[in-house]
Amino acid sequence: MRTSGQRHPFLGRWTVGFDDAGRLLALRMHVFSNGGFSHDLSVGVLERAVSHVDNCYRLGASEIVGRIARTNTQSNTAFRGFGGCQGMFLLESMLCEVAEAVGRTPEQLRALNMYRAGDVTPFAQRLNDWNVPLLWERLSASSAFAERRAAVDAYNASSRHRKRGLAMLPTKFGISFGVKFLNQGMALVHVYTDGSVLVAHGGTEMGQGLHTKMTQVAAETLGVPLSSVFISETATNTAANTSPTAASASSDLNGFAVHNACAVLAERLRPYRERAPDASFAQVARTAYLDRVSLTAAGHYATPDIGFDWQRGTGQLYFYFTQGAAVAEVELDTLTGAHTTRRVDILMDVGKSLNKALDIGQIEGAFTQGQGWTTTEEFLYFPRGPLFTQGPGNYKIPSAMDIPRDFRVALLEGLPYDSLKTIYSSKGIGEPPLFLGASVFFALRDAVLAARRQQGVDAPLHIESPATPEILRMACVDQIVDRVAIPAAQKEGKIPFAVRI
């Protein structure tokens, strides 16, 4: 952890204009990323951050400026989400403060300002196949949000030291590499005379189920049982010049490459299948082999239409958007800052899923990682730059006790996709759900607001991520906090033991 780099910390400064209802009219957002002592991937991370600041909302007239800060910490690098989550988090924090200013709930402002189909983002991309309003409506109903909001308010009115919070959060995540040439995939497929199929592709299996999806694509395209398809572990002697297994695009890129290779083989075998429609695939393959037909094919795929010019602001930055929404309910002990995630409901639009079980697993894992990012994973540095929170003793990742007690995940199904040109109209799912983990953070913020209202505190609430127990406890202003607060004058000129970044 001292040398490998972490997720980029971000700082946002905003000036926002809005009307009495909370409708956003104008936004100037300056985004600062802590790159650490060297360049690394900081430019790409910042580009994705500034292009996700809008999240799912109409901003009105907007100016979004990004800067990378060179600091004396280790060089920060790519993590799941690649800057998109940080950009969305800044906007959602701003919306919460606007909601307080106009006396409405954040959920009301999210619905009020939400994009509609055909709207154009600040980076000039039109929103086609836009399903976030439908996700919002269906999840609000399936999670019984209105009824639970009333139940949470009733509980808070009767409980002095334990408060519950509820938050509903949408997300959209752009799918494509920011560097155009990386948006390509390669595959090599062999058919053997015993009817077995061997697939090699350019993606790396790391537990996310990529190999499983690739065998499904091959089996579907060739019309053979899944049990006949085998995977050759990824290597550059079979799939050369591969792109990184990243950007939630590996199923798109490699899946279409596998499909293209298998389509070539299927076309070569078509005449032999037509001659003997009752023959097994092994018999067809052997007949073609004896007729000196090649049973090996290479496939290549390059994502069409994309390519964004940052200098001119023209072109298409993302191939499509994976979309989703989550509702989180928490219970907070206002005396200690400890909390429990009582229930989470998630509804994701992943297109026509290649494998529902794998996609739901990815959603659950990404959500938990996002929950940790915004609630427990605190980075503290010694004043001269070395990392203090090293290892599990000081750096707290989510554990089995942190995940929601009641975890409900569903996929949006049965919709037509007019503009989606991916393999079998599926969508990438690795990174998009991570930001939904921040719904736990905003539910905790809601609980803190309830505690502050009980104490008669009406000052604007500003909480930075991660919302650790210490941060939450101190935000629940009461007589104890007032007594232990250190006056600013006593802090002046003092060097702290550790610095939070």
Protein backbone atom coordinates (compact mmCIF):
# COMPACT_ATOMS: atom_id res chain seq x y z
CA MET A 1 0.00 0.00 0.00
CA ARG A 2 2.93 2.35 0.56
CA THR A 3 4.24 1.96 -2.99
CA SER A 4 1.48 0.71 -5.29
CA GLY A 5 -0.77 3.76 -5.18
CA GLN A 6 -4.41 4.14 -4.24
CA ARG A 7 -7.66 5.43 -5.73
CA HIS A 8 -7.27 9.13 -6.53
CA PRO A 9 -8.62 11.41 -3.76
CA PHE A 10 -10.67 14.28 -5.19
CA LEU A 11 -11.62 17.74 -4.05
CA GLY A 12 -14.54 19.61 -5.59
CA ARG A 13 -15.28 23.34 -5.47
CA TRP A 14 -18.62 24.40 -6.87
CA THR A 15 -20.80 27.42 -7.45
CA VAL A 16 -24.37 26.47 -8.29
CA GLY A 17 -27.47 28.34 -9.34
CA PHE A 18 -30.96 26.95 -8.75
CA ASP A 19 -34.55 28.11 -8.46
CA ASP A 20 -36.85 27.90 -5.42
CA ALA A 21 -37.90 24.37 -6.33
CA GLY A 22 -34.31 23.14 -6.52
CA ARG A 23 -34.07 22.95 -10.31
CA LEU A 24 -30.44 23.36 -11.36
CA LEU A 25 -29.88 26.37 -13.61
CA ALA A 26 -26.11 26.73 -13.73
CA LEU A 27 -23.02 25.02 -12.34
CA ARG A 28 -19.34 25.85 -12.19
CA MET A 29 -17.43 22.86 -10.84
CA HIS A 30 -13.68 22.76 -10.31
CA VAL A 31 -12.38 19.25 -9.74
CA PHE A 32 -8.94 18.60 -8.24
CA SER A 33 -7.34 15.15 -8.29
CA ASN A 34 -4.41 14.12 -6.08
CA GLY A 35 -2.11 12.43 -8.60
CA GLY A 36 0.69 11.80 -6.11
CA PHE A 37 4.34 12.22 -7.03
CA SER A 38 4.14 10.96 -10.65
CA HIS A 39 1.90 11.03 -13.70
CA ASP A 40 0.69 7.40 -13.89
CA LEU A 41 -2.93 7.23 -15.22
CA SER A 42 -4.06 10.45 -13.61
CA VAL A 43 -5.10 12.15 -16.87
CA GLY A 44 -7.42 9.30 -17.87
CA VAL A 45 -8.90 9.15 -14.37
CA LEU A 46 -9.56 12.90 -14.41
CA GLU A 47 -11.15 12.76 -17.87
CA ARG A 48 -13.62 10.14 -16.70
CA ALA A 49 -14.29 12.09 -13.50
CA VAL A 50 -15.19 15.34 -15.27
CA SER A 51 -17.33 13.44 -17.81
CA HIS A 52 -19.32 11.84 -14.97
CA VAL A 53 -19.88 14.94 -12.83
CA ASP A 54 -23.35 15.29 -14.38
CA ASN A 55 -24.31 11.75 -13.25
CA CYS A 56 -28.00 11.57 -14.32
CA TYR A 57 -28.98 15.23 -14.20
CA ARG A 58 -29.59 18.30 -16.32
CA LEU A 59 -27.11 20.87 -15.03
CA GLY A 60 -28.22 23.89 -17.02
CA ALA A 61 -25.34 26.12 -18.14
CA SER A 62 -22.24 24.32 -16.89
CA GLU A 63 -18.49 24.71 -16.71
CA ILE A 64 -16.53 21.72 -15.42
CA VAL A 65 -12.77 22.13 -15.03
CA GLY A 66 -10.37 19.42 -13.92
CA ARG A 67 -6.87 19.75 -12.49
CA ILE A 68 -4.31 17.18 -11.33
CA ALA A 69 -2.27 18.08 -8.24
CA ARG A 70 1.29 16.82 -7.87
CA THR A 71 1.81 16.00 -4.18
CA ASN A 72 4.28 14.24 -1.90
CA THR A 73 2.18 11.05 -1.54
CA GLN A 74 2.66 7.81 -3.47
CA SER A 75 1.53 7.96 -7.08
CA ASN A 76 -2.20 7.22 -7.29
CA THR A 77 -3.51 4.95 -9.99
CA ALA A 78 -6.43 3.09 -11.60
CA PHE A 79 -9.05 1.46 -9.41
CA ARG A 80 -12.49 0.06 -10.19
CA GLY A 81 -14.54 3.02 -11.36
CA PHE A 82 -11.52 4.94 -12.71
CA GLY A 83 -12.56 8.40 -11.55
CA GLY A 84 -16.21 8.18 -12.58
CA CYS A 85 -17.37 7.50 -9.02
CA GLN A 86 -15.48 10.49 -7.64
CA GLY A 87 -17.08 12.81 -10.19
CA MET A 88 -20.59 11.56 -9.46
CA PHE A 89 -20.00 11.76 -5.71
CA LEU A 90 -19.15 15.46 -5.91
CA LEU A 91 -22.38 16.23 -7.76
CA GLU A 92 -24.54 14.16 -5.39
CA SER A 93 -22.99 15.89 -2.37
CA MET A 94 -23.81 19.23 -3.94
CA LEU A 95 -27.42 18.13 -4.60
CA CYS A 96 -27.84 17.23 -0.92
CA GLU A 97 -26.74 20.69 0.15
CA VAL A 98 -29.05 22.32 -2.42
CA ALA A 99 -31.91 20.19 -1.08
CA GLU A 100 -31.27 21.50 2.43
CA ALA A 101 -31.25 25.06 1.12
CA VAL A 102 -34.67 24.76 -0.55
CA GLY A 103 -36.25 22.57 2.13
CA ARG A 104 -36.78 19.48 -0.02
CA THR A 105 -35.38 15.95 0.07
CA PRO A 106 -32.43 14.94 -2.12
CA GLU A 107 -34.64 12.34 -3.79
CA GLN A 108 -37.10 15.03 -4.85
CA LEU A 109 -34.29 17.05 -6.41
CA ARG A 110 -32.86 13.98 -8.14
CA ALA A 111 -36.20 13.25 -9.76
CA LEU A 112 -36.74 16.92 -10.64
CA ASN A 113 -33.38 17.35 -12.37
CA MET A 114 -33.10 13.91 -13.98
CA TYR A 115 -32.19 13.62 -17.65
CA ARG A 116 -34.91 12.60 -20.10
CA ALA A 117 -34.45 10.50 -23.22
CA GLY A 118 -32.77 12.47 -25.98
CA ASP A 119 -31.09 14.98 -23.66
CA VAL A 120 -27.47 15.90 -24.35
CA THR A 121 -24.67 15.66 -21.78
CA PRO A 122 -22.09 18.41 -21.15
CA PHE A 123 -19.72 16.43 -23.42
CA ALA A 124 -22.27 16.59 -26.25
CA GLN A 125 -23.42 12.96 -26.19
CA ARG A 126 -27.11 12.30 -26.78
CA LEU A 127 -28.75 9.91 -24.32
CA ASN A 128 -30.30 7.07 -26.31
CA ASP A 129 -31.85 4.00 -24.69
CA TRP A 130 -32.17 6.15 -21.55
CA ASN A 131 -33.84 4.10 -18.83
CA VAL A 132 -32.91 5.81 -15.54
CA PRO A 133 -36.36 7.45 -15.09
CA LEU A 134 -37.96 4.01 -15.52
CA LEU A 135 -35.46 2.44 -13.12
CA TRP A 136 -36.21 5.20 -10.60
CA GLU A 137 -39.96 4.70 -10.86
CA ARG A 138 -39.85 0.90 -10.64
CA LEU A 139 -37.33 0.81 -7.79
CA SER A 140 -39.30 3.39 -5.83
CA ALA A 141 -42.32 1.09 -6.06
CA SER A 142 -40.57 -2.25 -5.51
CA SER A 143 -38.61 -0.97 -2.52
CA ALA A 144 -41.71 0.70 -1.00
CA PHE A 145 -39.65 3.87 -0.67
CA ALA A 146 -42.49 6.19 0.34
CA GLU A 147 -43.76 3.83 3.06
CA ARG A 148 -40.25 3.23 4.40
CA ARG A 149 -39.57 6.97 4.42
CA ALA A 150 -42.55 7.45 6.70
CA ALA A 151 -41.45 4.51 8.88
CA VAL A 152 -37.91 5.90 9.20
CA ASP A 153 -39.22 9.33 10.20
CA ALA A 154 -41.51 7.73 12.80
CA TYR A 155 -38.65 5.69 14.24
CA ASN A 156 -36.39 8.74 14.48
CA ALA A 157 -39.08 10.71 16.28
CA SER A 158 -39.25 8.04 19.01
CA SER A 159 -35.57 7.10 19.32
CA ARG A 160 -33.11 9.42 21.01
CA HIS A 161 -29.69 7.92 20.38
CA ARG A 162 -30.28 5.64 17.40
CA LYS A 163 -31.33 7.16 14.09
CA ARG A 164 -32.22 5.60 10.79
CA GLY A 165 -31.52 7.02 7.36
CA LEU A 166 -32.83 6.32 3.88
CA ALA A 167 -31.40 7.34 0.50
CA MET A 168 -32.15 6.60 -3.14
CA LEU A 169 -29.41 7.11 -5.71
CA PRO A 170 -29.18 6.72 -9.52
CA THR A 171 -26.12 6.18 -11.68
CA LYS A 172 -24.99 6.08 -15.27
CA PHE A 173 -21.54 4.84 -16.23
CA GLY A 174 -20.00 5.32 -19.68
CA ILE A 175 -18.59 2.18 -21.29
CA SER A 176 -15.49 2.51 -23.49
CA PHE A 177 -11.79 3.08 -23.01
CA GLY A 178 -10.94 6.77 -23.09
CA VAL A 179 -8.04 5.93 -25.42
CA LYS A 180 -9.60 4.98 -28.74
CA PHE A 181 -7.12 2.32 -29.92
CA LEU A 182 -7.73 0.19 -26.82
CA ASN A 183 -11.32 -0.40 -27.91
CA GLN A 184 -10.59 -3.59 -29.82
CA GLY A 185 -10.59 -7.32 -29.08
CA MET A 186 -9.09 -10.44 -30.62
CA ALA A 187 -9.94 -14.16 -30.44
CA LEU A 188 -8.74 -17.45 -31.90
CA VAL A 189 -11.12 -20.42 -32.13
CA HIS A 190 -10.37 -24.05 -33.04
CA VAL A 191 -12.92 -26.74 -33.85
CA TYR A 192 -11.71 -30.33 -33.41
CA THR A 193 -12.97 -33.42 -35.20
CA ASP A 194 -14.38 -34.83 -31.96
CA GLY A 195 -16.78 -31.87 -31.83
CA SER A 196 -14.95 -29.94 -29.11
CA VAL A 197 -14.20 -26.23 -29.44
CA LEU A 198 -11.21 -24.37 -27.99
CA VAL A 199 -11.46 -20.61 -27.53
CA ALA A 200 -8.61 -18.21 -26.85
CA HIS A 201 -9.37 -14.53 -26.37
CA GLY A 202 -7.69 -11.38 -25.14
CA GLY A 203 -9.42 -11.00 -21.79
CA THR A 204 -8.06 -12.03 -18.41
CA GLU A 205 -10.23 -14.12 -16.09
CA MET A 206 -9.91 -12.80 -12.53
CA GLY A 207 -13.01 -14.31 -10.99
CA GLN A 208 -15.51 -12.06 -12.76
CA GLY A 209 -16.80 -14.84 -15.04
CA LEU A 210 -15.39 -13.55 -18.34
CA HIS A 211 -14.38 -17.04 -19.53
CA THR A 212 -17.88 -18.32 -18.80
CA LYS A 213 -19.46 -15.57 -20.90
CA MET A 214 -17.03 -16.23 -23.77
CA THR A 215 -17.86 -19.94 -23.85
CA GLN A 216 -21.56 -19.03 -23.91
CA VAL A 217 -21.02 -16.72 -26.89
CA ALA A 218 -19.08 -19.43 -28.73
CA ALA A 219 -21.68 -22.11 -27.99
CA GLU A 220 -24.53 -19.85 -29.11
CA THR A 221 -22.82 -18.80 -32.34
CA LEU A 222 -21.74 -22.31 -33.34
CA GLY A 223 -24.94 -23.95 -32.14
CA VAL A 224 -23.21 -26.49 -29.93
CA PRO A 225 -23.68 -27.48 -26.25
CA LEU A 226 -21.84 -25.38 -23.69
CA SER A 227 -20.13 -28.55 -22.46
CA SER A 228 -18.31 -28.81 -25.83
CA VAL A 229 -16.58 -25.43 -25.49
CA PHE A 230 -13.29 -25.04 -23.64
CA ILE A 231 -11.14 -22.01 -22.85
CA SER A 232 -7.41 -21.67 -23.41
CA GLU A 233 -5.93 -19.45 -20.73
CA THR A 234 -5.13 -15.98 -22.03
CA ALA A 235 -1.68 -15.70 -23.58
CA THR A 236 -0.18 -13.42 -26.21
CA ASN A 237 0.97 -16.36 -28.37
CA THR A 238 -2.70 -17.10 -29.14
CA ALA A 239 -4.34 -13.67 -28.76
CA ALA A 240 -1.77 -11.02 -29.59
CA ASN A 241 -1.80 -7.30 -28.84
CA THR A 242 -4.60 -7.54 -26.31
CA SER A 243 -6.24 -4.57 -24.61
CA PRO A 244 -6.38 -4.41 -20.81
CA THR A 245 -9.17 -6.30 -19.09
CA ALA A 246 -10.65 -3.08 -17.81
CA ALA A 247 -13.18 -0.30 -18.40
CA SER A 248 -16.05 -2.81 -18.01
CA ALA A 249 -15.63 -3.49 -21.75
CA SER A 250 -14.02 -6.95 -21.81
CA SER A 251 -17.24 -8.87 -22.53
CA ASP A 252 -18.08 -6.38 -25.28
CA LEU A 253 -14.68 -6.47 -26.98
CA ASN A 254 -13.71 -10.10 -26.58
CA GLY A 255 -17.27 -11.36 -26.86
CA PHE A 256 -17.71 -9.85 -30.30
CA ALA A 257 -14.25 -11.09 -31.34
CA VAL A 258 -15.21 -14.63 -30.29
CA HIS A 259 -18.54 -14.25 -32.07
CA ASN A 260 -16.85 -13.07 -35.28
CA ALA A 261 -14.41 -15.99 -35.27
CA CYS A 262 -17.19 -18.50 -34.57
CA ALA A 263 -19.37 -16.93 -37.27
CA VAL A 264 -16.62 -17.61 -39.82
CA LEU A 265 -16.43 -21.25 -38.70
CA ALA A 266 -20.20 -21.60 -38.69
CA GLU A 267 -20.33 -20.35 -42.28
CA ARG A 268 -17.62 -22.81 -43.32
CA LEU A 269 -19.56 -25.67 -41.72
CA ARG A 270 -22.97 -24.56 -42.99
CA PRO A 271 -22.90 -26.59 -46.26
CA TYR A 272 -22.02 -29.77 -44.39
CA ARG A 273 -24.79 -29.23 -41.85
CA GLU A 274 -27.28 -28.65 -44.65
CA ARG A 275 -26.26 -31.90 -46.34
CA ALA A 276 -26.63 -33.89 -43.14
CA PRO A 277 -29.08 -32.07 -40.85
CA ASP A 278 -29.25 -35.01 -38.43
CA ALA A 279 -25.48 -35.38 -38.08
CA SER A 280 -23.78 -34.49 -34.81
CA PHE A 281 -21.42 -31.54 -34.65
CA ALA A 282 -18.49 -33.94 -34.37
CA GLN A 283 -19.58 -35.71 -37.57
CA VAL A 284 -19.99 -32.37 -39.36
CA ALA A 285 -16.55 -31.21 -38.20
CA ARG A 286 -14.90 -34.46 -39.30
CA THR A 287 -16.56 -34.33 -42.71
CA ALA A 288 -15.34 -30.77 -43.23
CA TYR A 289 -11.84 -31.73 -42.10
CA LEU A 290 -11.73 -34.63 -44.59
CA ASP A 291 -12.80 -32.13 -47.24
CA ARG A 292 -9.75 -30.01 -46.28
CA VAL A 293 -11.71 -27.13 -44.75
CA SER A 294 -9.89 -25.03 -42.15
CA LEU A 295 -11.41 -25.46 -38.70
CA THR A 296 -9.50 -22.55 -37.20
CA ALA A 297 -10.55 -18.90 -37.38
CA ALA A 298 -9.35 -15.64 -35.89
CA GLY A 299 -11.81 -12.94 -34.92
CA HIS A 300 -11.32 -9.23 -34.40
CA TYR A 301 -13.66 -6.51 -33.18
CA ALA A 302 -13.28 -2.73 -33.00
CA THR A 303 -15.91 -0.64 -31.22
CA PRO A 304 -17.64 1.51 -33.84
CA ASP A 305 -18.69 5.17 -33.72
CA ILE A 306 -16.56 6.27 -30.76
CA GLY A 307 -13.79 8.85 -30.66
CA PHE A 308 -13.86 12.10 -28.68
CA ASP A 309 -11.75 15.19 -29.33
CA TRP A 310 -11.19 16.88 -25.97
CA GLN A 311 -9.83 20.03 -27.60
CA ARG A 312 -12.85 20.60 -29.84
CA GLY A 313 -15.46 18.86 -27.66
CA THR A 314 -16.69 16.79 -30.59
CA GLY A 315 -17.27 13.10 -31.20
CA GLN A 316 -18.75 10.30 -29.10
CA LEU A 317 -16.96 9.65 -25.82
CA TYR A 318 -18.80 6.49 -24.72
CA PHE A 319 -20.37 3.67 -26.74
CA TYR A 320 -23.30 3.45 -24.30
CA PHE A 321 -24.18 3.86 -20.63
CA THR A 322 -24.88 1.16 -18.07
CA GLN A 323 -27.55 2.51 -15.73
CA GLY A 324 -28.90 1.67 -12.30
CA ALA A 325 -30.42 2.85 -9.03
CA ALA A 326 -30.23 1.81 -5.39
CA VAL A 327 -32.10 2.39 -2.14
CA ALA A 328 -30.18 2.03 1.12
CA GLU A 329 -31.50 2.04 4.69
CA VAL A 330 -29.13 2.32 7.66
CA GLU A 331 -29.27 2.60 11.43
CA LEU A 332 -26.76 4.84 13.18
CA ASP A 333 -25.69 4.87 16.83
CA THR A 334 -25.26 8.60 17.37
CA LEU A 335 -23.13 8.10 20.50
CA THR A 336 -20.44 6.00 18.80
CA GLY A 337 -20.85 6.57 15.06
CA ALA A 338 -21.22 2.84 14.45
CA HIS A 339 -23.85 1.86 11.93
CA THR A 340 -25.68 -1.09 10.41
CA THR A 341 -26.84 -1.33 6.81
CA ARG A 342 -30.33 -2.70 7.29
CA ARG A 343 -31.44 -3.14 3.70
CA VAL A 344 -30.37 -2.36 0.13
CA ASP A 345 -32.45 -2.63 -3.05
CA ILE A 346 -30.73 -2.37 -6.44
CA LEU A 347 -32.20 -2.34 -9.93
CA MET A 348 -29.73 -2.36 -12.84
CA ASP A 349 -30.12 -1.99 -16.57
CA VAL A 350 -27.50 -4.36 -18.02
CA GLY A 351 -29.16 -4.78 -21.39
CA LYS A 352 -29.89 -8.37 -22.32
CA SER A 353 -27.67 -10.12 -19.81
CA LEU A 354 -25.25 -12.77 -21.06
CA ASN A 355 -25.37 -14.45 -17.67
CA LYS A 356 -27.72 -13.16 -14.96
CA ALA A 357 -26.02 -14.99 -12.11
CA LEU A 358 -22.62 -13.52 -12.97
CA ASP A 359 -24.03 -10.03 -13.45
CA ILE A 360 -25.85 -10.09 -10.12
CA GLY A 361 -22.64 -11.27 -8.44
CA GLN A 362 -20.75 -8.38 -10.03
CA ILE A 363 -23.41 -5.93 -8.82
CA GLU A 364 -23.23 -7.22 -5.25
CA GLY A 365 -19.42 -7.12 -5.20
CA ALA A 366 -19.14 -3.68 -6.76
CA PHE A 367 -21.75 -2.26 -4.40
CA THR A 368 -19.89 -3.60 -1.37
CA GLN A 369 -16.64 -2.13 -2.64
CA GLY A 370 -18.34 1.24 -3.13
CA GLN A 371 -19.81 1.02 0.35
CA GLY A 372 -16.34 0.51 1.78
CA TRP A 373 -14.92 3.34 -0.30
CA THR A 374 -17.42 5.83 1.16
CA THR A 375 -17.71 4.58 4.76
CA THR A 376 -14.64 2.75 6.09
CA GLU A 377 -11.59 2.99 3.80
CA GLU A 378 -9.89 6.06 5.21
CA PHE A 379 -6.45 7.19 4.05
CA LEU A 380 -4.31 8.91 6.68
CA TYR A 381 -0.83 10.19 5.91
CA PHE A 382 2.01 11.37 8.05
CA PRO A 383 2.57 15.12 7.45
CA ARG A 384 5.67 14.47 5.32
CA GLY A 385 3.87 12.13 2.95
CA PRO A 386 4.24 8.46 4.02
CA LEU A 387 1.04 6.46 4.35
CA PHE A 388 -0.11 5.80 7.92
CA THR A 389 -3.09 3.51 7.23
CA GLN A 390 -1.14 0.46 6.07
CA GLY A 391 -2.63 -3.01 6.18
CA PRO A 392 -5.78 -4.34 7.84
CA GLY A 393 -4.83 -2.98 11.26
CA ASN A 394 -5.45 0.60 10.17
CA TYR A 395 -7.12 0.36 6.77
CA LYS A 396 -10.62 -1.06 7.08
CA ILE A 397 -12.23 -2.80 4.12
CA PRO A 398 -15.85 -4.04 4.32
CA SER A 399 -16.34 -7.28 6.23
CA ALA A 400 -19.18 -9.77 6.44
CA MET A 401 -20.80 -7.63 9.14
CA ASP A 402 -20.80 -4.54 6.90
CA ILE A 403 -22.79 -5.89 3.97
CA PRO A 404 -26.55 -5.23 3.98
CA ARG A 405 -28.58 -7.47 6.26
CA ASP A 406 -31.23 -7.61 3.52
CA PHE A 407 -29.66 -7.41 0.03
CA ARG A 408 -32.02 -7.38 -2.95
CA VAL A 409 -30.69 -7.14 -6.52
CA ALA A 410 -32.79 -7.25 -9.69
CA LEU A 411 -32.18 -6.64 -13.40
CA LEU A 412 -34.33 -4.50 -15.66
CA GLU A 413 -35.64 -6.83 -18.34
CA GLY A 414 -37.91 -6.95 -21.37
CA LEU A 415 -36.99 -3.59 -22.92
CA PRO A 416 -36.09 -2.91 -26.55
CA TYR A 417 -32.71 -1.32 -27.24
CA ASP A 418 -32.78 0.76 -30.41
CA SER A 419 -29.20 2.05 -30.31
CA LEU A 420 -27.30 -0.67 -28.44
CA LYS A 421 -24.86 -2.45 -30.79
CA THR A 422 -23.10 -4.75 -28.33
CA ILE A 423 -22.84 -8.54 -28.35
CA TYR A 424 -26.41 -9.83 -28.02
CA SER A 425 -27.38 -6.35 -26.69
CA SER A 426 -25.62 -6.96 -23.37
CA LYS A 427 -23.91 -4.28 -21.27
CA GLY A 428 -20.72 -4.07 -19.25
CA ILE A 429 -21.26 -4.48 -15.52
CA GLY A 430 -17.89 -4.58 -13.74
CA GLU A 431 -17.62 -0.95 -12.61
CA PRO A 432 -21.06 0.72 -12.99
CA PRO A 433 -22.64 -0.56 -9.72
CA LEU A 434 -19.73 0.62 -7.55
CA PHE A 435 -21.06 4.14 -7.17
CA LEU A 436 -24.37 2.80 -5.89
CA GLY A 437 -22.46 1.80 -2.74
CA ALA A 438 -22.43 5.53 -1.96
CA SER A 439 -26.16 5.23 -1.25
CA VAL A 440 -25.09 3.93 2.18
CA PHE A 441 -23.07 7.14 2.70
CA PHE A 442 -26.07 9.31 1.79
CA ALA A 443 -28.38 7.25 3.98
CA LEU A 444 -25.97 7.85 6.86
CA ARG A 445 -26.03 11.54 6.02
CA ASP A 446 -29.82 11.40 6.30
CA ALA A 447 -29.53 9.77 9.73
CA VAL A 448 -27.08 12.44 10.89
CA LEU A 449 -29.49 15.14 9.77
CA ALA A 450 -32.19 13.54 11.94
CA ALA A 451 -29.84 13.61 14.93
CA ARG A 452 -28.94 17.25 14.32
CA ARG A 453 -32.57 18.29 13.99
CA GLN A 454 -33.26 16.66 17.35
CA GLN A 455 -30.57 18.89 18.86
CA GLY A 456 -31.95 21.99 17.17
CA VAL A 457 -28.97 22.30 14.82
CA ASP A 458 -29.99 23.78 11.47
CA ALA A 459 -26.54 24.71 10.11
CA PRO A 460 -25.74 23.22 6.66
CA LEU A 461 -24.28 19.71 6.90
CA HIS A 462 -21.05 18.98 5.03
CA ILE A 463 -19.61 15.47 5.38
CA GLU A 464 -16.60 14.27 3.44
CA SER A 465 -16.08 10.69 2.31
CA PRO A 466 -15.37 8.28 3.85
CA ALA A 467 -17.95 8.68 6.62
CA THR A 468 -16.07 6.78 9.32
CA PRO A 469 -17.55 6.32 12.82
CA GLU A 470 -15.43 9.24 14.06
CA ILE A 471 -16.72 11.55 11.33
CA LEU A 472 -20.32 10.50 11.89
CA ARG A 473 -20.09 10.88 15.66
CA MET A 474 -18.68 14.38 15.46
CA ALA A 475 -21.33 15.37 12.89
CA CYS A 476 -24.09 14.41 15.38
CA VAL A 477 -23.67 17.66 17.27
CA ASP A 478 -24.65 17.51 20.94
CA GLN A 479 -23.34 18.57 24.36
CA ILE A 480 -20.60 15.91 24.34
CA VAL A 481 -19.25 17.09 20.98
CA ASP A 482 -19.37 20.70 22.15
CA ARG A 483 -17.31 19.87 25.23
CA VAL A 484 -14.55 17.99 23.38
CA ALA A 485 -14.27 20.36 20.42
CA ILE A 486 -10.82 21.95 20.14
CA PRO A 487 -10.93 25.70 19.45
CA ALA A 488 -9.37 26.75 16.14
CA ALA A 489 -6.93 29.01 17.95
CA GLN A 490 -5.41 26.00 19.75
CA LYS A 491 -4.85 24.20 16.45
CA GLU A 492 -3.02 27.08 14.81
CA GLY A 493 0.64 26.26 14.18
CA LYS A 494 0.29 22.68 15.39
CA ILE A 495 1.46 19.76 13.23
CA PRO A 496 -1.13 16.96 13.30
CA PHE A 497 -0.12 13.36 13.89
CA ALA A 498 -1.81 12.29 10.64
CA VAL A 499 -3.44 14.06 7.72
CA ARG A 500 -6.68 12.81 6.14
CA ILE A 501 -6.70 12.89 2.32
